[in-house]
Amino acid sequence: MSIQSSATALRPGNNPFLKAVAAISTLCGWASALMIVTAVLITCQMIFIRFVLNGSTIWQTEAVIYLAIASTLVGLPFVQLLRGHVNVDLFPMMLKGRARRALAIGTSVVAIGIIGLMFWYGYDVWHEAYARGWTSETVWAVRLWIPYLSIPVGFGLLLLQLIADLVALILKIDTPFGLEEA
């Protein structure tokens, strides 16, 4: 098992679709980082209010939780773009040529199917929260469709990045698993 051992980030070449998806995924990375910084700042403000001013906080804990979850989901396509996930590349390294390519295409199709299902059901949960006017059971009473929106957005953009990865693989812009042929 290796982390970023031999795989490198997707290089879109001159393909406009791949460039656009890479730009969107990069924007997602920046948005995710901004959400984490915001969550840290809110946490510092909450600590100051509670322990220095001896006051109570109402919205801070819930906001930090929602920001942490949203940053994780919205950051998914950026991690996929960079191939920053932990991967086990022993089996792909053992395969050569067409077998490695077939495995790469097969795993991409399976990943697209799974993430497509997660997108679909994430959209369903978001829509139900929106349509029924769900709110959190806290004093702040957040309209839950707002934090739940990160589910279909994150998985939808990850799906888009996975499709771009598959297109790059099929067009031979990218190599299977980012491994060079021996």
Protein backbone atom coordinates (compact mmCIF):
# COMPACT_ATOMS: atom_id res chain seq x y z
CA MET A 1 0.00 0.00 0.00
CA SER A 2 1.31 3.44 -0.84
CA ILE A 3 0.26 7.01 -0.70
CA GLN A 4 0.86 8.76 -4.01
CA SER A 5 3.65 6.28 -4.68
CA SER A 6 3.72 6.23 -8.42
CA ALA A 7 0.50 7.91 -9.48
CA THR A 8 0.57 11.57 -10.39
CA ALA A 9 -2.12 14.18 -10.76
CA LEU A 10 -4.13 14.13 -13.97
CA ARG A 11 -2.68 16.40 -16.64
CA PRO A 12 -5.56 17.52 -18.85
CA GLY A 13 -3.43 18.35 -21.88
CA ASN A 14 -5.31 20.49 -24.39
CA ASN A 15 -8.69 18.85 -23.81
CA PRO A 16 -11.17 21.63 -22.90
CA PHE A 17 -13.48 19.29 -20.96
CA LEU A 18 -10.62 17.97 -18.83
CA LYS A 19 -9.28 21.50 -18.27
CA ALA A 20 -12.71 22.74 -17.17
CA VAL A 21 -13.22 19.84 -14.76
CA ALA A 22 -9.70 20.31 -13.35
CA ALA A 23 -10.46 24.01 -12.79
CA ILE A 24 -13.74 23.16 -11.02
CA SER A 25 -12.01 20.54 -8.86
CA THR A 26 -9.27 23.02 -7.96
CA LEU A 27 -11.91 25.58 -7.01
CA CYS A 28 -13.47 22.91 -4.79
CA GLY A 29 -10.11 22.45 -3.08
CA TRP A 30 -9.89 26.16 -2.34
CA ALA A 31 -13.49 26.23 -1.08
CA SER A 32 -12.77 23.26 1.16
CA ALA A 33 -9.68 24.94 2.59
CA LEU A 34 -11.66 28.14 3.19
CA MET A 35 -14.33 26.16 5.07
CA ILE A 36 -11.68 24.59 7.32
CA VAL A 37 -10.09 27.98 8.07
CA THR A 38 -13.54 29.39 8.82
CA ALA A 39 -14.29 26.47 11.16
CA VAL A 40 -11.00 27.08 13.01
CA LEU A 41 -11.76 30.80 13.37
CA ILE A 42 -15.27 30.05 14.67
CA THR A 43 -13.79 27.57 17.15
CA CYS A 44 -11.35 30.23 18.41
CA GLN A 45 -14.21 32.72 18.76
CA MET A 46 -16.26 30.14 20.64
CA ILE A 47 -13.40 29.41 23.04
CA PHE A 48 -12.93 33.13 23.69
CA ILE A 49 -16.63 33.67 24.42
CA ARG A 50 -16.98 30.61 26.65
CA PHE A 51 -13.76 30.71 28.66
CA VAL A 52 -12.69 34.36 28.62
CA LEU A 53 -16.03 36.15 28.62
CA ASN A 54 -17.82 33.32 30.45
CA GLY A 55 -20.68 33.55 27.98
CA SER A 56 -22.78 30.97 26.23
CA THR A 57 -22.58 30.00 22.60
CA ILE A 58 -25.52 29.10 20.44
CA TRP A 59 -24.51 28.49 16.87
CA GLN A 60 -20.77 27.89 16.90
CA THR A 61 -20.54 24.15 17.57
CA GLU A 62 -23.17 23.32 14.98
CA ALA A 63 -21.57 25.62 12.40
CA VAL A 64 -18.16 24.02 12.92
CA ILE A 65 -19.60 20.52 12.50
CA TYR A 66 -21.44 21.46 9.30
CA LEU A 67 -18.35 23.23 7.91
CA ALA A 68 -16.13 20.22 8.65
CA ILE A 69 -18.53 17.86 6.89
CA ALA A 70 -19.02 20.22 3.93
CA SER A 71 -15.27 20.75 3.55
CA THR A 72 -14.77 17.00 3.38
CA LEU A 73 -17.49 16.48 0.77
CA VAL A 74 -16.69 19.53 -1.36
CA GLY A 75 -12.98 18.66 -1.24
CA LEU A 76 -13.53 15.18 -2.72
CA PRO A 77 -13.04 16.17 -6.39
CA PHE A 78 -9.79 18.01 -5.58
CA VAL A 79 -8.39 14.97 -3.80
CA GLN A 80 -9.38 12.83 -6.79
CA LEU A 81 -7.77 15.31 -9.19
CA LEU A 82 -4.49 15.11 -7.27
CA ARG A 83 -4.88 11.38 -6.72
CA GLY A 84 -4.28 12.17 -3.07
CA HIS A 85 -6.22 9.17 -1.81
CA VAL A 86 -4.57 6.14 -0.30
CA ASN A 87 -4.28 3.45 -2.93
CA VAL A 88 -3.13 -0.11 -3.15
CA ASP A 89 -1.23 -0.40 -6.40
CA LEU A 90 0.34 -3.84 -6.06
CA PHE A 91 -2.18 -5.57 -8.35
CA PRO A 92 -2.09 -2.87 -11.07
CA MET A 93 1.72 -2.95 -10.95
CA MET A 94 1.67 -6.71 -11.57
CA LEU A 95 -0.46 -6.27 -14.70
CA LYS A 96 0.82 -4.98 -18.02
CA GLY A 97 -0.67 -3.46 -21.15
CA ARG A 98 -4.28 -4.25 -21.97
CA ALA A 99 -4.94 -6.07 -18.68
CA ARG A 100 -3.89 -2.99 -16.65
CA ARG A 101 -5.96 -0.74 -18.93
CA ALA A 102 -9.02 -3.02 -18.63
CA LEU A 103 -8.69 -3.04 -14.84
CA ALA A 104 -8.39 0.77 -14.79
CA ILE A 105 -11.47 1.22 -16.98
CA GLY A 106 -13.42 -1.37 -14.98
CA THR A 107 -12.61 0.18 -11.62
CA SER A 108 -13.42 3.63 -12.99
CA VAL A 109 -16.82 2.46 -14.20
CA VAL A 110 -17.56 0.82 -10.83
CA ALA A 111 -16.46 3.97 -8.97
CA ILE A 112 -18.67 6.12 -11.22
CA GLY A 113 -21.61 3.81 -10.52
CA ILE A 114 -21.14 3.89 -6.74
CA ILE A 115 -20.60 7.65 -6.58
CA GLY A 116 -23.57 8.12 -8.94
CA LEU A 117 -25.75 6.24 -6.44
CA MET A 118 -24.42 8.32 -3.56
CA PHE A 119 -25.13 11.49 -5.56
CA TRP A 120 -28.67 10.31 -6.32
CA TYR A 121 -29.52 9.44 -2.72
CA GLY A 122 -27.73 12.53 -1.43
CA TYR A 123 -29.88 14.64 -3.73
CA ASP A 124 -32.96 12.81 -2.46
CA VAL A 125 -32.11 13.55 1.18
CA TRP A 126 -31.33 17.18 0.37
CA HIS A 127 -34.57 17.59 -1.58
CA GLU A 128 -36.64 16.03 1.19
CA ALA A 129 -35.09 18.36 3.78
CA TYR A 130 -35.78 21.32 1.48
CA ALA A 131 -39.35 20.33 0.56
CA ARG A 132 -40.38 19.52 4.14
CA GLY A 133 -38.64 22.50 5.72
CA TRP A 134 -36.56 20.44 8.12
CA THR A 135 -34.60 22.33 10.76
CA SER A 136 -32.05 21.16 13.28
CA GLU A 137 -33.29 20.45 16.80
CA THR A 138 -31.10 23.10 18.36
CA VAL A 139 -31.65 26.67 19.48
CA TRP A 140 -30.12 27.87 16.22
CA ALA A 141 -32.66 25.78 14.21
CA VAL A 142 -30.65 25.66 10.99
CA ARG A 143 -32.66 24.93 7.87
CA LEU A 144 -31.11 21.54 7.14
CA TRP A 145 -31.27 21.84 3.39
CA ILE A 146 -28.34 24.28 3.62
CA PRO A 147 -25.77 21.92 5.17
CA TYR A 148 -27.31 18.91 3.38
CA LEU A 149 -26.62 20.63 0.05
CA SER A 150 -22.96 19.68 0.44
CA ILE A 151 -23.92 16.01 -0.08
CA PRO A 152 -25.19 16.21 -3.69
CA VAL A 153 -22.74 19.00 -4.56
CA GLY A 154 -19.72 17.10 -3.24
CA PHE A 155 -20.68 13.76 -4.74
CA GLY A 156 -21.87 15.38 -7.98
CA LEU A 157 -18.54 17.13 -8.47
CA LEU A 158 -16.63 13.98 -7.51
CA LEU A 159 -18.71 12.14 -10.12
CA LEU A 160 -17.75 14.76 -12.69
CA GLN A 161 -14.05 14.35 -11.80
CA LEU A 162 -14.32 10.56 -12.05
CA ILE A 163 -15.93 10.89 -15.49
CA ALA A 164 -13.09 13.21 -16.54
CA ASP A 165 -10.57 10.64 -15.28
CA LEU A 166 -12.29 7.95 -17.35
CA VAL A 167 -12.35 10.18 -20.44
CA ALA A 168 -8.62 10.89 -19.99
CA LEU A 169 -7.99 7.16 -19.70
CA ILE A 170 -10.05 6.28 -22.79
CA LEU A 171 -8.44 9.08 -24.85
CA LYS A 172 -5.02 7.92 -23.63
CA ILE A 173 -4.27 11.33 -22.14
CA ASP A 174 -3.69 9.54 -18.84
CA THR A 175 -2.12 6.17 -18.13
CA PRO A 176 -3.90 3.41 -16.19
CA PHE A 177 -3.51 4.10 -12.46
CA GLY A 178 -1.01 6.80 -13.33
CA LEU A 179 1.61 4.09 -13.86
CA GLU A 180 3.99 4.28 -16.79
CA GLU A 181 4.34 1.22 -18.98
CA ALA A 182 7.49 -0.79 -18.35
